[in-house]
Amino acid sequence: MKKVFFTFLAFAGMFFASDKASAQFKVGVFDIDAMVTAMPAYRTVDSLLNIYQNDSLGAEYNVYLSEYKRLDSTIKADSAAKKPEAIIAYNRTKLQENYVYLVNWRDIAQQKLSQKKGVLAQGLYQKVQDAYLKVLEAKKYNLVLKPGAYEYGPRIDNIFISVAKELKLTGLPQEYLMLGADPDAPAQGLAPAAAGAKPAAGGAKKP
């Protein structure tokens, strides 16, 4: 993956050698998931996710843990009572299934949480996607990178700002405003890193 990305950078470097080519090739930074979490309405989704994680997922984990302990005790008691091996073997199989579930609980819970988020935030994702597609159509970007995928090169536009304007948001988190230049500001040549760096000259403005 790194080899492919650096190959692209080498190609891009040759492409951007011409000021005219640089002006024609438009690069932006954006992430739909990040934009959804910046929406004011996402606070409700976040609260519901916390309830789901603490109550529903917590209760589900406790059910499997309780069943694991019950089976473990049952197997010990049956072995001591010399119950038929078939019964003990069956319970051992069930015990192993519960053990595997508990060991992998972190990944299982994360997957369930992601699925729940997709359901609860479906409307927000649709709004952000619609606004994003409008911006892409209007501004004709050649390449859009996620935050953190850009180090140095030609000006990179902060598409978060344009999408926020399209959604009529009154503001964005400060860390989102640091990701690149305001697409409506005049081009200023080379831009610094898109993540964790100072904004490009003529940088992002609060929508």
Protein backbone atom coordinates (compact mmCIF):
# COMPACT_ATOMS: atom_id res chain seq x y z
CA MET A 1 0.00 0.00 0.00
CA LYS A 2 2.83 2.40 0.92
CA LYS A 3 4.60 1.55 -2.35
CA VAL A 4 1.48 2.43 -4.34
CA PHE A 5 1.01 5.71 -2.42
CA PHE A 6 4.63 6.80 -2.88
CA THR A 7 4.41 5.90 -6.56
CA PHE A 8 1.40 8.20 -6.77
CA LEU A 9 3.35 10.97 -5.00
CA ALA A 10 6.20 10.61 -7.48
CA PHE A 11 3.75 10.84 -10.37
CA ALA A 12 2.00 13.77 -8.75
CA GLY A 13 5.32 15.54 -8.26
CA MET A 14 6.01 15.40 -11.99
CA PHE A 15 2.46 16.45 -12.78
CA PHE A 16 2.60 19.44 -10.46
CA ALA A 17 5.91 20.65 -11.90
CA SER A 18 3.86 22.89 -14.15
CA ASP A 19 1.98 25.72 -12.43
CA LYS A 20 -0.77 25.35 -15.01
CA ALA A 21 -1.13 21.63 -14.33
CA SER A 22 -1.12 22.31 -10.59
CA ALA A 23 -3.98 24.75 -10.96
CA GLN A 24 -5.98 22.22 -12.96
CA PHE A 25 -5.45 19.26 -10.61
CA LYS A 26 -7.59 19.82 -7.52
CA VAL A 27 -6.98 17.91 -4.30
CA GLY A 28 -9.27 17.93 -1.28
CA VAL A 29 -9.45 16.37 2.18
CA PHE A 30 -12.64 14.87 3.59
CA ASP A 31 -14.09 11.99 5.60
CA ILE A 32 -17.81 11.21 5.69
CA ASP A 33 -17.69 9.49 9.10
CA ALA A 34 -15.89 12.46 10.65
CA MET A 35 -18.34 14.92 9.11
CA VAL A 36 -21.32 12.99 10.47
CA THR A 37 -19.91 13.12 14.01
CA ALA A 38 -19.49 16.91 13.62
CA MET A 39 -23.21 17.38 12.97
CA PRO A 40 -25.09 18.88 15.97
CA ALA A 41 -27.77 16.19 15.60
CA TYR A 42 -25.13 13.50 16.13
CA ARG A 43 -25.12 14.28 19.85
CA THR A 44 -28.45 12.44 20.11
CA VAL A 45 -27.03 9.46 18.23
CA ASP A 46 -23.98 9.45 20.49
CA SER A 47 -26.16 9.42 23.62
CA LEU A 48 -28.22 6.52 22.29
CA LEU A 49 -25.05 4.61 21.41
CA ASN A 50 -23.76 5.04 24.96
CA ILE A 51 -27.03 3.67 26.34
CA TYR A 52 -26.91 0.74 23.91
CA GLN A 53 -23.29 -0.02 24.83
CA ASN A 54 -23.82 0.16 28.58
CA ASP A 55 -27.22 -1.52 28.77
CA SER A 56 -27.80 -3.87 25.83
CA LEU A 57 -24.22 -4.91 25.09
CA GLY A 58 -23.31 -5.00 28.77
CA ALA A 59 -26.29 -7.24 29.52
CA GLU A 60 -25.44 -9.53 26.59
CA TYR A 61 -21.87 -9.95 27.84
CA ASN A 62 -23.11 -10.79 31.34
CA VAL A 63 -25.44 -13.46 29.93
CA TYR A 64 -22.55 -15.23 28.19
CA LEU A 65 -20.30 -14.85 31.24
CA SER A 66 -22.99 -16.25 33.53
CA GLU A 67 -23.60 -19.19 31.18
CA TYR A 68 -19.87 -19.89 30.99
CA LYS A 69 -19.64 -20.07 34.78
CA ARG A 70 -22.75 -22.28 34.98
CA LEU A 71 -21.41 -24.73 32.41
CA ASP A 72 -18.03 -24.85 34.12
CA SER A 73 -19.67 -25.70 37.44
CA THR A 74 -21.98 -28.24 35.78
CA ILE A 75 -19.08 -30.04 34.08
CA LYS A 76 -17.17 -30.29 37.37
CA ALA A 77 -20.23 -31.61 39.19
CA ASP A 78 -21.09 -34.10 36.42
CA SER A 79 -17.50 -35.36 36.31
CA ALA A 80 -17.50 -35.88 40.08
CA ALA A 81 -20.85 -37.69 39.85
CA LYS A 82 -19.53 -39.80 36.97
CA LYS A 83 -22.36 -38.78 34.66
CA PRO A 84 -22.35 -40.18 31.08
CA GLU A 85 -19.42 -38.86 29.02
CA ALA A 86 -21.78 -37.81 26.22
CA ILE A 87 -23.46 -35.28 28.55
CA ILE A 88 -20.13 -33.96 29.79
CA ALA A 89 -18.76 -33.69 26.23
CA TYR A 90 -21.85 -31.75 25.12
CA ASN A 91 -21.44 -29.25 27.96
CA ARG A 92 -17.73 -28.92 27.21
CA THR A 93 -18.60 -27.99 23.63
CA LYS A 94 -21.03 -25.35 24.85
CA LEU A 95 -18.45 -24.10 27.34
CA GLN A 96 -15.89 -23.70 24.55
CA GLU A 97 -18.40 -21.77 22.43
CA ASN A 98 -19.03 -19.36 25.29
CA TYR A 99 -15.30 -19.03 25.94
CA VAL A 100 -14.59 -18.11 22.31
CA TYR A 101 -17.40 -15.54 22.40
CA LEU A 102 -16.05 -13.95 25.60
CA VAL A 103 -12.47 -13.86 24.33
CA ASN A 104 -13.58 -12.13 21.13
CA TRP A 105 -16.11 -9.90 22.88
CA ARG A 106 -14.25 -6.64 22.17
CA ASP A 107 -14.41 -7.18 18.40
CA ILE A 108 -17.97 -8.52 18.54
CA ALA A 109 -19.17 -5.55 20.59
CA GLN A 110 -17.43 -3.08 18.26
CA GLN A 111 -19.11 -4.64 15.24
CA LYS A 112 -22.52 -4.50 16.92
CA LEU A 113 -21.88 -0.88 17.94
CA SER A 114 -20.93 0.05 14.37
CA GLN A 115 -24.08 -1.59 13.03
CA LYS A 116 -26.20 0.28 15.58
CA LYS A 117 -24.50 3.54 14.66
CA GLY A 118 -25.28 2.90 10.99
CA VAL A 119 -28.98 2.48 11.83
CA LEU A 120 -29.26 5.45 14.19
CA ALA A 121 -27.23 7.83 12.01
CA GLN A 122 -28.59 6.70 8.64
CA GLY A 123 -30.39 10.00 8.05
CA LEU A 124 -27.30 12.04 8.92
CA TYR A 125 -25.12 9.95 6.61
CA GLN A 126 -27.57 10.55 3.77
CA LYS A 127 -27.54 14.32 4.34
CA VAL A 128 -23.73 14.46 4.47
CA GLN A 129 -23.39 12.26 1.40
CA ASP A 130 -25.83 14.40 -0.60
CA ALA A 131 -24.00 17.59 0.37
CA TYR A 132 -20.62 16.01 -0.36
CA LEU A 133 -21.68 14.90 -3.84
CA LYS A 134 -22.97 18.42 -4.59
CA VAL A 135 -19.62 19.89 -3.59
CA LEU A 136 -17.70 17.38 -5.72
CA GLU A 137 -19.90 18.12 -8.70
CA ALA A 138 -19.57 21.88 -8.27
CA LYS A 139 -15.84 22.07 -7.57
CA LYS A 140 -14.60 19.20 -9.78
CA TYR A 141 -11.99 17.62 -7.52
CA ASN A 142 -9.54 15.17 -9.08
CA LEU A 143 -8.52 13.55 -5.80
CA VAL A 144 -9.97 13.46 -2.27
CA LEU A 145 -7.86 12.14 0.62
CA LYS A 146 -8.78 11.32 4.20
CA PRO A 147 -7.19 13.36 7.00
CA GLY A 148 -3.70 12.08 7.76
CA ALA A 149 -3.08 10.75 4.24
CA TYR A 150 -1.40 13.92 2.98
CA GLU A 151 2.07 15.20 3.86
CA TYR A 152 3.22 17.88 1.44
CA GLY A 153 2.44 19.07 -2.05
CA PRO A 154 0.10 21.39 -3.90
CA ARG A 155 -2.71 23.20 -2.14
CA ILE A 156 -5.24 20.88 -0.54
CA ASP A 157 -8.80 22.13 -0.08
CA ASN A 158 -10.67 21.51 3.15
CA ILE A 159 -13.89 19.99 1.81
CA PHE A 160 -15.27 19.85 5.36
CA ILE A 161 -15.79 23.62 5.08
CA SER A 162 -17.69 23.40 1.79
CA VAL A 163 -19.88 20.54 3.01
CA ALA A 164 -20.61 22.44 6.24
CA LYS A 165 -21.72 25.43 4.17
CA GLU A 166 -23.91 23.19 2.03
CA LEU A 167 -25.49 21.76 5.20
CA LYS A 168 -25.91 25.30 6.60
CA LEU A 169 -23.92 24.49 9.73
CA THR A 170 -22.79 27.47 11.78
CA GLY A 171 -19.40 26.03 12.63
CA LEU A 172 -17.01 23.09 12.74
CA PRO A 173 -14.69 21.70 15.43
CA GLN A 174 -11.39 23.59 15.42
CA GLU A 175 -9.38 20.48 14.50
CA TYR A 176 -11.44 20.14 11.32
CA LEU A 177 -10.65 23.73 10.32
CA MET A 178 -6.92 22.98 10.48
CA LEU A 179 -7.01 20.36 7.73
CA GLY A 180 -6.50 22.55 4.68
CA ALA A 181 -7.43 25.70 2.83
CA ASP A 182 -10.90 27.15 2.49
CA PRO A 183 -12.00 26.04 -1.01
CA ASP A 184 -13.43 29.52 -1.62
CA ALA A 185 -10.16 31.28 -0.76
CA PRO A 186 -7.60 32.15 -3.50
CA ALA A 187 -5.00 29.48 -4.23
CA GLN A 188 -1.71 29.99 -2.35
CA GLY A 189 0.59 27.35 -3.86
CA LEU A 190 2.06 24.58 -1.73
CA ALA A 191 0.20 23.39 1.36
CA PRO A 192 1.49 21.73 4.56
CA ALA A 193 0.33 18.38 5.92
CA ALA A 194 -3.42 17.85 6.07
CA ALA A 195 -3.34 16.40 9.57
CA GLY A 196 -1.67 17.79 12.65
CA ALA A 197 -0.16 20.73 10.78
CA LYS A 198 -0.85 24.42 10.64
CA PRO A 199 -3.49 25.38 8.05
CA ALA A 200 -2.35 26.35 4.59
CA ALA A 201 -1.76 30.01 3.85
CA GLY A 202 -5.06 31.69 3.34
CA GLY A 203 -6.35 28.85 5.51
CA ALA A 204 -9.73 27.56 6.52
CA LYS A 205 -12.41 29.90 7.69
CA LYS A 206 -15.32 29.12 9.92
CA PRO A 207 -18.40 28.66 7.72
